[in-house]
Amino acid sequence: MKRSIFSLITLTTVLSFNAPLIANESNLSPQDSITANVSYTKVDINDATLQQLMQVKGLGKTKAQAIIDFRETNGKISDMEELKTIKGIGKKTLARILEKFELGQ
């Protein structure tokens, strides 16, 4: 069977870009492992510092400080829906950040 140069180039290209799609211990560097673990760690909204809150994508310094001010005024947050009473945190923002927090007691 005769193969054209185009077929050979296409096959080589496909094979060279056929990298693993699932991350596992064998294809992650130590730094990747650390980054992967950090990205899945939830932040305790009741104990988080300003810096920890600011690490959450979707929260800047103003919203993070507003959460701390809310906690100081109202006590610990018992329901994430309470965050919607904070200026700048509406349904859309809450939906984006909800999975990144946990309610510590």
N, C-alpha and C. Protein backbone atom coordinates (compact mmCIF):
# COMPACT_ATOMS: atom_id res chain seq x y z
N MET A 1 0.86 -1.16 0.00
CA MET A 1 0.00 0.00 0.00
C MET A 1 0.91 1.23 0.00
N LYS A 2 0.69 2.11 -0.91
CA LYS A 2 1.52 3.30 -1.06
C LYS A 2 0.88 4.46 -0.30
N ARG A 3 1.66 5.15 0.56
CA ARG A 3 1.15 6.29 1.33
C ARG A 3 1.75 7.56 0.77
N SER A 4 0.95 8.57 0.75
CA SER A 4 1.45 9.85 0.26
C SER A 4 2.20 10.56 1.38
N ILE A 5 3.01 11.52 1.00
CA ILE A 5 3.74 12.32 1.99
C ILE A 5 2.76 13.07 2.89
N PHE A 6 1.63 13.50 2.34
CA PHE A 6 0.61 14.20 3.11
C PHE A 6 0.07 13.32 4.22
N SER A 7 -0.22 12.06 3.93
CA SER A 7 -0.73 11.12 4.94
C SER A 7 0.29 10.92 6.05
N LEU A 8 1.55 10.82 5.68
CA LEU A 8 2.60 10.62 6.66
C LEU A 8 2.76 11.84 7.56
N ILE A 9 2.71 13.03 6.97
CA ILE A 9 2.80 14.26 7.76
C ILE A 9 1.59 14.38 8.68
N THR A 10 0.41 14.09 8.18
CA THR A 10 -0.81 14.16 9.00
C THR A 10 -0.73 13.18 10.17
N LEU A 11 -0.29 11.97 9.90
CA LEU A 11 -0.18 10.96 10.96
C LEU A 11 0.85 11.39 12.00
N THR A 12 1.97 11.91 11.56
CA THR A 12 3.01 12.38 12.48
C THR A 12 2.49 13.52 13.34
N THR A 13 1.75 14.45 12.73
CA THR A 13 1.20 15.59 13.46
C THR A 13 0.20 15.12 14.51
N VAL A 14 -0.66 14.20 14.14
CA VAL A 14 -1.66 13.69 15.08
C VAL A 14 -0.98 12.99 16.25
N LEU A 15 0.02 12.17 15.96
CA LEU A 15 0.71 11.44 17.03
C LEU A 15 1.49 12.37 17.94
N SER A 16 2.09 13.40 17.38
CA SER A 16 2.88 14.31 18.21
C SER A 16 2.02 15.18 19.11
N PHE A 17 0.78 15.42 18.73
CA PHE A 17 -0.11 16.23 19.56
C PHE A 17 -1.04 15.39 20.42
N ASN A 18 -0.84 14.11 20.41
CA ASN A 18 -1.70 13.20 21.17
C ASN A 18 -1.17 13.08 22.60
N ALA A 19 -1.23 14.17 23.34
CA ALA A 19 -0.77 14.20 24.73
C ALA A 19 -1.87 13.66 25.63
N PRO A 20 -1.51 13.20 26.81
CA PRO A 20 -2.53 12.72 27.75
C PRO A 20 -3.54 13.83 28.06
N LEU A 21 -4.80 13.47 28.07
CA LEU A 21 -5.84 14.44 28.35
C LEU A 21 -6.21 14.47 29.83
N ILE A 22 -5.86 13.45 30.56
CA ILE A 22 -6.21 13.38 31.98
C ILE A 22 -4.94 13.52 32.80
N ALA A 23 -4.97 14.43 33.74
CA ALA A 23 -3.80 14.63 34.61
C ALA A 23 -3.74 13.52 35.65
N ASN A 24 -2.58 12.95 35.78
CA ASN A 24 -2.36 11.99 36.85
C ASN A 24 -0.95 12.19 37.36
N GLU A 25 -0.57 11.43 38.35
CA GLU A 25 0.73 11.63 38.99
C GLU A 25 1.89 11.49 38.01
N SER A 26 1.74 10.64 37.00
CA SER A 26 2.85 10.39 36.10
C SER A 26 3.10 11.52 35.11
N ASN A 27 2.11 12.35 34.83
CA ASN A 27 2.33 13.42 33.86
C ASN A 27 2.23 14.81 34.47
N LEU A 28 2.37 14.91 35.78
CA LEU A 28 2.39 16.21 36.44
C LEU A 28 3.73 16.42 37.12
N SER A 29 4.22 17.63 37.00
CA SER A 29 5.42 17.97 37.75
C SER A 29 5.02 18.26 39.19
N PRO A 30 5.96 18.33 40.13
CA PRO A 30 5.60 18.66 41.51
C PRO A 30 4.88 20.00 41.61
N GLN A 31 5.30 20.99 40.80
CA GLN A 31 4.64 22.30 40.84
C GLN A 31 3.20 22.19 40.35
N ASP A 32 2.96 21.39 39.28
CA ASP A 32 1.60 21.21 38.79
C ASP A 32 0.73 20.57 39.85
N SER A 33 1.28 19.60 40.58
CA SER A 33 0.51 18.94 41.63
C SER A 33 0.10 19.93 42.70
N ILE A 34 1.02 20.81 43.09
CA ILE A 34 0.71 21.81 44.10
C ILE A 34 -0.37 22.75 43.58
N THR A 35 -0.23 23.20 42.35
CA THR A 35 -1.21 24.12 41.75
C THR A 35 -2.57 23.45 41.66
N ALA A 36 -2.59 22.18 41.24
CA ALA A 36 -3.85 21.47 41.11
C ALA A 36 -4.54 21.36 42.47
N ASN A 37 -3.78 21.06 43.53
CA ASN A 37 -4.37 20.95 44.86
C ASN A 37 -4.91 22.28 45.34
N VAL A 38 -4.19 23.36 45.10
CA VAL A 38 -4.62 24.67 45.55
C VAL A 38 -5.90 25.09 44.85
N SER A 39 -6.01 24.80 43.56
CA SER A 39 -7.16 25.26 42.82
C SER A 39 -8.46 24.58 43.25
N TYR A 40 -8.38 23.42 43.91
CA TYR A 40 -9.58 22.73 44.35
C TYR A 40 -9.87 22.91 45.83
N THR A 41 -9.03 23.63 46.53
CA THR A 41 -9.25 23.86 47.94
C THR A 41 -10.29 24.96 48.13
N LYS A 42 -11.30 24.67 48.92
CA LYS A 42 -12.33 25.67 49.19
C LYS A 42 -11.89 26.58 50.33
N VAL A 43 -12.33 27.80 50.25
CA VAL A 43 -12.01 28.81 51.26
C VAL A 43 -13.14 28.85 52.28
N ASP A 44 -12.78 28.83 53.56
CA ASP A 44 -13.78 28.97 54.62
C ASP A 44 -14.18 30.43 54.70
N ILE A 45 -15.37 30.74 54.27
CA ILE A 45 -15.80 32.13 54.18
C ILE A 45 -15.89 32.81 55.54
N ASN A 46 -16.03 32.04 56.60
CA ASN A 46 -16.15 32.63 57.94
C ASN A 46 -14.81 32.91 58.61
N ASP A 47 -13.74 32.33 58.10
CA ASP A 47 -12.43 32.54 58.71
C ASP A 47 -11.40 33.13 57.75
N ALA A 48 -11.75 33.28 56.49
CA ALA A 48 -10.80 33.74 55.48
C ALA A 48 -10.35 35.18 55.73
N THR A 49 -9.06 35.41 55.50
CA THR A 49 -8.50 36.76 55.60
C THR A 49 -8.80 37.51 54.31
N LEU A 50 -8.50 38.80 54.32
CA LEU A 50 -8.69 39.62 53.12
C LEU A 50 -7.91 39.02 51.95
N GLN A 51 -6.66 38.63 52.19
CA GLN A 51 -5.83 38.07 51.12
C GLN A 51 -6.39 36.76 50.60
N GLN A 52 -6.89 35.92 51.48
CA GLN A 52 -7.48 34.65 51.04
C GLN A 52 -8.73 34.88 50.21
N LEU A 53 -9.55 35.83 50.63
CA LEU A 53 -10.77 36.13 49.87
C LEU A 53 -10.42 36.70 48.50
N MET A 54 -9.39 37.52 48.44
CA MET A 54 -8.99 38.14 47.18
C MET A 54 -8.43 37.12 46.19
N GLN A 55 -8.00 35.96 46.66
CA GLN A 55 -7.50 34.91 45.78
C GLN A 55 -8.62 34.23 45.00
N VAL A 56 -9.85 34.41 45.45
CA VAL A 56 -11.00 33.79 44.78
C VAL A 56 -11.33 34.61 43.54
N LYS A 57 -11.31 33.94 42.39
CA LYS A 57 -11.61 34.61 41.14
C LYS A 57 -13.04 35.15 41.21
N GLY A 58 -13.18 36.43 40.89
CA GLY A 58 -14.49 37.06 40.95
C GLY A 58 -14.62 38.01 42.12
N LEU A 59 -13.66 37.95 43.05
CA LEU A 59 -13.66 38.86 44.18
C LEU A 59 -12.42 39.73 44.11
N GLY A 60 -12.62 41.01 44.18
CA GLY A 60 -11.49 41.91 44.28
C GLY A 60 -11.36 42.37 45.72
N LYS A 61 -10.54 43.39 45.92
CA LYS A 61 -10.30 43.87 47.27
C LYS A 61 -11.57 44.46 47.89
N THR A 62 -12.34 45.19 47.10
CA THR A 62 -13.55 45.85 47.62
C THR A 62 -14.58 44.82 48.09
N LYS A 63 -14.87 43.82 47.27
CA LYS A 63 -15.86 42.80 47.65
C LYS A 63 -15.35 41.93 48.79
N ALA A 64 -14.07 41.62 48.76
CA ALA A 64 -13.49 40.82 49.85
C ALA A 64 -13.61 41.57 51.18
N GLN A 65 -13.30 42.85 51.17
CA GLN A 65 -13.42 43.66 52.39
C GLN A 65 -14.87 43.76 52.81
N ALA A 66 -15.78 43.84 51.85
CA ALA A 66 -17.21 43.92 52.17
C ALA A 66 -17.67 42.64 52.88
N ILE A 67 -17.13 41.50 52.48
CA ILE A 67 -17.48 40.23 53.15
C ILE A 67 -16.97 40.25 54.59
N ILE A 68 -15.76 40.72 54.79
CA ILE A 68 -15.20 40.81 56.15
C ILE A 68 -16.02 41.77 56.99
N ASP A 69 -16.38 42.92 56.43
CA ASP A 69 -17.21 43.90 57.16
C ASP A 69 -18.57 43.29 57.52
N PHE A 70 -19.14 42.53 56.59
CA PHE A 70 -20.43 41.87 56.84
C PHE A 70 -20.30 40.90 58.01
N ARG A 71 -19.23 40.12 58.03
CA ARG A 71 -19.02 39.15 59.13
C ARG A 71 -18.86 39.86 60.46
N GLU A 72 -18.13 40.97 60.46
CA GLU A 72 -17.91 41.71 61.70
C GLU A 72 -19.20 42.32 62.23
N THR A 73 -20.09 42.73 61.34
CA THR A 73 -21.35 43.34 61.73
C THR A 73 -22.41 42.31 62.10
N ASN A 74 -22.48 41.22 61.32
CA ASN A 74 -23.58 40.26 61.45
C ASN A 74 -23.19 38.92 62.04
N GLY A 75 -21.94 38.70 62.28
CA GLY A 75 -21.50 37.40 62.77
C GLY A 75 -21.22 36.44 61.62
N LYS A 76 -21.00 35.20 61.97
CA LYS A 76 -20.66 34.19 60.95
C LYS A 76 -21.79 34.02 59.95
N ILE A 77 -21.39 33.75 58.72
CA ILE A 77 -22.34 33.52 57.64
C ILE A 77 -22.84 32.08 57.77
N SER A 78 -24.14 31.92 57.84
CA SER A 78 -24.71 30.58 57.98
C SER A 78 -25.33 30.07 56.68
N ASP A 79 -25.59 30.97 55.75
CA ASP A 79 -26.18 30.62 54.47
C ASP A 79 -25.53 31.50 53.40
N MET A 80 -25.02 30.90 52.35
CA MET A 80 -24.33 31.66 51.31
C MET A 80 -25.24 32.70 50.66
N GLU A 81 -26.53 32.52 50.73
CA GLU A 81 -27.46 33.50 50.17
C GLU A 81 -27.35 34.85 50.87
N GLU A 82 -26.83 34.85 52.10
CA GLU A 82 -26.63 36.10 52.83
C GLU A 82 -25.69 37.04 52.08
N LEU A 83 -24.79 36.47 51.29
CA LEU A 83 -23.83 37.29 50.56
C LEU A 83 -24.51 38.24 49.56
N LYS A 84 -25.71 37.88 49.12
CA LYS A 84 -26.41 38.74 48.16
C LYS A 84 -26.83 40.08 48.77
N THR A 85 -26.80 40.19 50.08
CA THR A 85 -27.14 41.46 50.72
C THR A 85 -25.95 42.43 50.72
N ILE A 86 -24.79 41.93 50.32
CA ILE A 86 -23.58 42.77 50.25
C ILE A 86 -23.56 43.49 48.91
N LYS A 87 -23.29 44.79 48.96
CA LYS A 87 -23.24 45.59 47.75
C LYS A 87 -22.20 45.02 46.80
N GLY A 88 -22.59 44.80 45.56
CA GLY A 88 -21.69 44.29 44.54
C GLY A 88 -21.73 42.78 44.37
N ILE A 89 -22.45 42.09 45.25
CA ILE A 89 -22.59 40.64 45.12
C ILE A 89 -24.06 40.34 44.86
N GLY A 90 -24.32 40.01 43.62
CA GLY A 90 -25.68 39.65 43.21
C GLY A 90 -25.74 38.18 42.85
N LYS A 91 -26.81 37.81 42.15
CA LYS A 91 -27.01 36.41 41.77
C LYS A 91 -25.85 35.87 40.92
N LYS A 92 -25.42 36.67 39.94
CA LYS A 92 -24.37 36.19 39.02
C LYS A 92 -23.03 36.02 39.74
N THR A 93 -22.66 37.00 40.54
CA THR A 93 -21.39 36.89 41.28
C THR A 93 -21.46 35.73 42.25
N LEU A 94 -22.56 35.59 42.95
CA LEU A 94 -22.71 34.50 43.90
C LEU A 94 -22.60 33.15 43.20
N ALA A 95 -23.22 33.03 42.04
CA ALA A 95 -23.15 31.77 41.28
C ALA A 95 -21.71 31.44 40.89
N ARG A 96 -20.92 32.47 40.53
CA ARG A 96 -19.53 32.25 40.12
C ARG A 96 -18.63 31.85 41.29
N ILE A 97 -18.89 32.39 42.45
CA ILE A 97 -17.98 32.16 43.59
C ILE A 97 -18.46 31.08 44.54
N LEU A 98 -19.70 30.68 44.44
CA LEU A 98 -20.32 29.76 45.40
C LEU A 98 -19.51 28.47 45.59
N GLU A 99 -19.06 27.87 44.52
CA GLU A 99 -18.35 26.57 44.63
C GLU A 99 -16.96 26.70 45.22
N LYS A 100 -16.49 27.92 45.38
CA LYS A 100 -15.13 28.13 45.90
C LYS A 100 -15.10 28.31 47.42
N PHE A 101 -16.29 28.35 48.04
CA PHE A 101 -16.38 28.57 49.47
C PHE A 101 -17.01 27.41 50.21
N GLU A 102 -16.68 27.33 51.48
CA GLU A 102 -17.37 26.42 52.38
C GLU A 102 -17.76 27.22 53.62
N LEU A 103 -18.76 26.76 54.32
CA LEU A 103 -19.22 27.44 55.53
C LEU A 103 -18.62 26.75 56.74
N GLY A 104 -17.53 27.27 57.22
CA GLY A 104 -16.93 26.75 58.45
C GLY A 104 -17.70 27.30 59.65
N GLN A 105 -17.67 26.59 60.73
CA GLN A 105 -18.43 27.03 61.90
C GLN A 105 -17.54 27.46 62.99
